[in-house]
Amino acid sequence: MQTHSNSTRRGIATALYELLNPIPLGFFVAAWIFDILYMKTFITMWTDAANWLIVLGLFIAVIPRLINLVQVWTGPESIADSARKLHFWLNLLAIVLAIFNAFIHSRDAYAVVPAGVILSTLVVVLLLLANVQLALRLPVAGGATR
């Protein structure tokens, strides 16, 4: 009875993780695009929108990271391989940089260039690198047909 309850909770946590994990990347990419638009036009609306997107991305990014923390570091199975650990660390580093980026974006709009643009670029590159390396190193579900 206890194993069924644990596997059900683990399944719900995995489903929640898979549902929420890609959302912050979309917010951070949109904020990066808005930062570039601000850098080209100097219309403060773009940096205000980027600030909101960064904050929303950070709020949503916390839940998958906490689930991932438990799954990778305390999971009973051997899912804590090097690809998942690297994915965790790259995501965590991107979140820390995004926190600094949120502070930079909270200042005057003219203070966002170039530090905010650089941090937005680093956050997007780290998240993309984390996702691509995980996708390339994990085995394909179902295996080979031959």
Protein backbone atom coordinates (compact mmCIF):
# COMPACT_ATOMS: atom_id res chain seq x y z
CA MET A 1 0.00 0.00 0.00
CA GLN A 2 2.84 2.39 0.82
CA THR A 3 4.63 1.80 -2.49
CA HIS A 4 1.48 2.65 -4.45
CA SER A 5 1.15 5.93 -2.57
CA ASN A 6 4.83 6.80 -3.16
CA SER A 7 4.66 5.96 -6.86
CA THR A 8 1.46 8.01 -7.23
CA ARG A 9 3.08 11.03 -5.58
CA ARG A 10 6.18 10.57 -7.70
CA GLY A 11 4.01 10.38 -10.84
CA ILE A 12 2.14 13.56 -9.92
CA ALA A 13 5.42 15.35 -9.19
CA THR A 14 6.87 14.23 -12.52
CA ALA A 15 3.75 15.35 -14.38
CA LEU A 16 3.83 18.74 -12.64
CA TYR A 17 7.53 19.09 -13.42
CA GLU A 18 7.06 18.23 -17.11
CA LEU A 19 4.12 20.66 -17.32
CA LEU A 20 5.83 23.64 -15.70
CA ASN A 21 9.48 23.20 -16.75
CA PRO A 22 9.27 24.69 -20.29
CA ILE A 23 7.19 27.74 -19.32
CA PRO A 24 10.00 29.88 -17.82
CA LEU A 25 12.10 29.44 -20.97
CA GLY A 26 9.33 31.07 -22.98
CA PHE A 27 9.13 33.99 -20.56
CA PHE A 28 12.91 34.47 -20.56
CA VAL A 29 13.15 34.29 -24.38
CA ALA A 30 10.38 36.89 -24.69
CA ALA A 31 12.17 39.12 -22.14
CA TRP A 32 15.40 38.74 -24.12
CA ILE A 33 13.62 39.77 -27.34
CA PHE A 34 12.08 42.75 -25.55
CA ASP A 35 15.51 43.76 -24.23
CA ILE A 36 16.88 43.69 -27.76
CA LEU A 37 13.92 45.75 -28.98
CA TYR A 38 14.54 48.26 -26.20
CA MET A 39 18.22 48.44 -27.10
CA LYS A 40 17.28 49.28 -30.71
CA THR A 41 14.38 51.68 -30.05
CA PHE A 42 14.82 53.02 -26.48
CA ILE A 43 11.07 52.84 -25.94
CA THR A 44 10.67 52.18 -22.21
CA MET A 45 7.60 49.99 -22.74
CA TRP A 46 9.91 47.16 -23.90
CA THR A 47 12.04 47.17 -20.76
CA ASP A 48 8.95 47.37 -18.54
CA ALA A 49 7.48 44.35 -20.32
CA ALA A 50 10.80 42.50 -20.04
CA ASN A 51 10.84 43.18 -16.31
CA TRP A 52 7.40 41.63 -15.87
CA LEU A 53 8.31 38.63 -18.01
CA ILE A 54 11.47 37.98 -15.98
CA VAL A 55 9.58 38.15 -12.70
CA LEU A 56 6.81 35.84 -13.95
CA GLY A 57 9.40 33.43 -15.33
CA LEU A 58 11.15 33.36 -11.97
CA PHE A 59 7.94 32.66 -10.07
CA ILE A 60 7.10 29.73 -12.33
CA ALA A 61 10.71 28.45 -12.47
CA VAL A 62 10.88 27.80 -8.73
CA ILE A 63 8.36 24.92 -8.64
CA PRO A 64 10.04 22.71 -11.28
CA ARG A 65 13.45 23.34 -9.72
CA LEU A 66 12.23 22.19 -6.30
CA ILE A 67 10.69 19.06 -7.81
CA ASN A 68 13.87 18.49 -9.82
CA LEU A 69 15.96 18.97 -6.68
CA VAL A 70 14.13 16.16 -4.92
CA GLN A 71 14.07 13.87 -7.96
CA VAL A 72 17.73 14.23 -8.88
CA TRP A 73 19.36 14.34 -5.48
CA THR A 74 17.14 12.17 -3.24
CA GLY A 75 15.36 9.91 -5.72
CA PRO A 76 15.42 6.19 -4.88
CA GLU A 77 16.05 5.24 -8.49
CA SER A 78 19.22 5.82 -10.47
CA ILE A 79 17.81 8.80 -12.36
CA ALA A 80 20.49 11.04 -10.90
CA ASP A 81 22.84 10.58 -13.84
CA SER A 82 25.26 13.23 -15.00
CA ALA A 83 22.93 14.63 -17.71
CA ARG A 84 20.16 15.33 -15.20
CA LYS A 85 22.59 16.80 -12.69
CA LEU A 86 24.08 19.10 -15.33
CA HIS A 87 20.55 20.07 -16.38
CA PHE A 88 19.75 20.92 -12.76
CA TRP A 89 22.90 23.03 -12.26
CA LEU A 90 22.56 24.92 -15.54
CA ASN A 91 18.93 25.73 -14.74
CA LEU A 92 19.84 26.82 -11.23
CA LEU A 93 22.61 29.08 -12.56
CA ALA A 94 20.17 30.56 -15.08
CA ILE A 95 17.68 31.28 -12.29
CA VAL A 96 20.33 33.00 -10.19
CA LEU A 97 21.33 35.15 -13.18
CA ALA A 98 17.65 35.90 -13.83
CA ILE A 99 17.29 37.13 -10.23
CA PHE A 100 20.17 39.57 -10.78
CA ASN A 101 18.57 40.49 -14.10
CA ALA A 102 15.28 41.27 -12.34
CA PHE A 103 17.12 43.66 -10.03
CA ILE A 104 18.79 45.37 -13.01
CA HIS A 105 15.43 45.68 -14.77
CA SER A 106 13.87 47.23 -11.66
CA ARG A 107 16.11 50.27 -12.06
CA ASP A 108 15.67 53.08 -14.52
CA ALA A 109 15.05 51.94 -18.09
CA TYR A 110 18.26 53.50 -19.36
CA ALA A 111 20.28 51.42 -16.89
CA VAL A 112 19.15 48.17 -18.52
CA VAL A 113 21.54 48.47 -21.45
CA PRO A 114 23.98 46.68 -21.66
CA ALA A 115 23.93 44.69 -18.38
CA GLY A 116 20.29 43.59 -18.67
CA VAL A 117 20.70 42.52 -22.27
CA ILE A 118 23.83 40.53 -21.45
CA LEU A 119 22.16 38.80 -18.49
CA SER A 120 19.05 38.02 -20.54
CA THR A 121 21.25 36.51 -23.23
CA LEU A 122 23.16 34.39 -20.69
CA VAL A 123 19.92 33.14 -19.10
CA VAL A 124 18.49 32.08 -22.46
CA VAL A 125 21.75 30.42 -23.56
CA LEU A 126 22.06 28.50 -20.27
CA LEU A 127 18.48 27.25 -20.42
CA LEU A 128 18.80 26.20 -24.04
CA LEU A 129 22.12 24.50 -23.35
CA ALA A 130 20.61 22.64 -20.38
CA ASN A 131 17.65 21.40 -22.40
CA VAL A 132 19.65 20.44 -25.49
CA GLN A 133 22.33 18.53 -23.57
CA LEU A 134 19.63 16.64 -21.66
CA ALA A 135 17.74 15.78 -24.84
CA LEU A 136 20.89 14.56 -26.58
CA ARG A 137 22.13 12.45 -23.65
CA LEU A 138 18.92 10.74 -22.55
CA PRO A 139 17.85 7.53 -24.27
CA VAL A 140 14.86 7.70 -26.58
CA ALA A 141 11.67 6.18 -25.13
CA GLY A 142 10.73 2.91 -26.78
CA GLY A 143 14.25 2.14 -27.94
CA ALA A 144 15.40 1.33 -31.48
CA THR A 145 13.15 -0.61 -33.82
CA ARG A 146 15.90 -2.77 -35.25
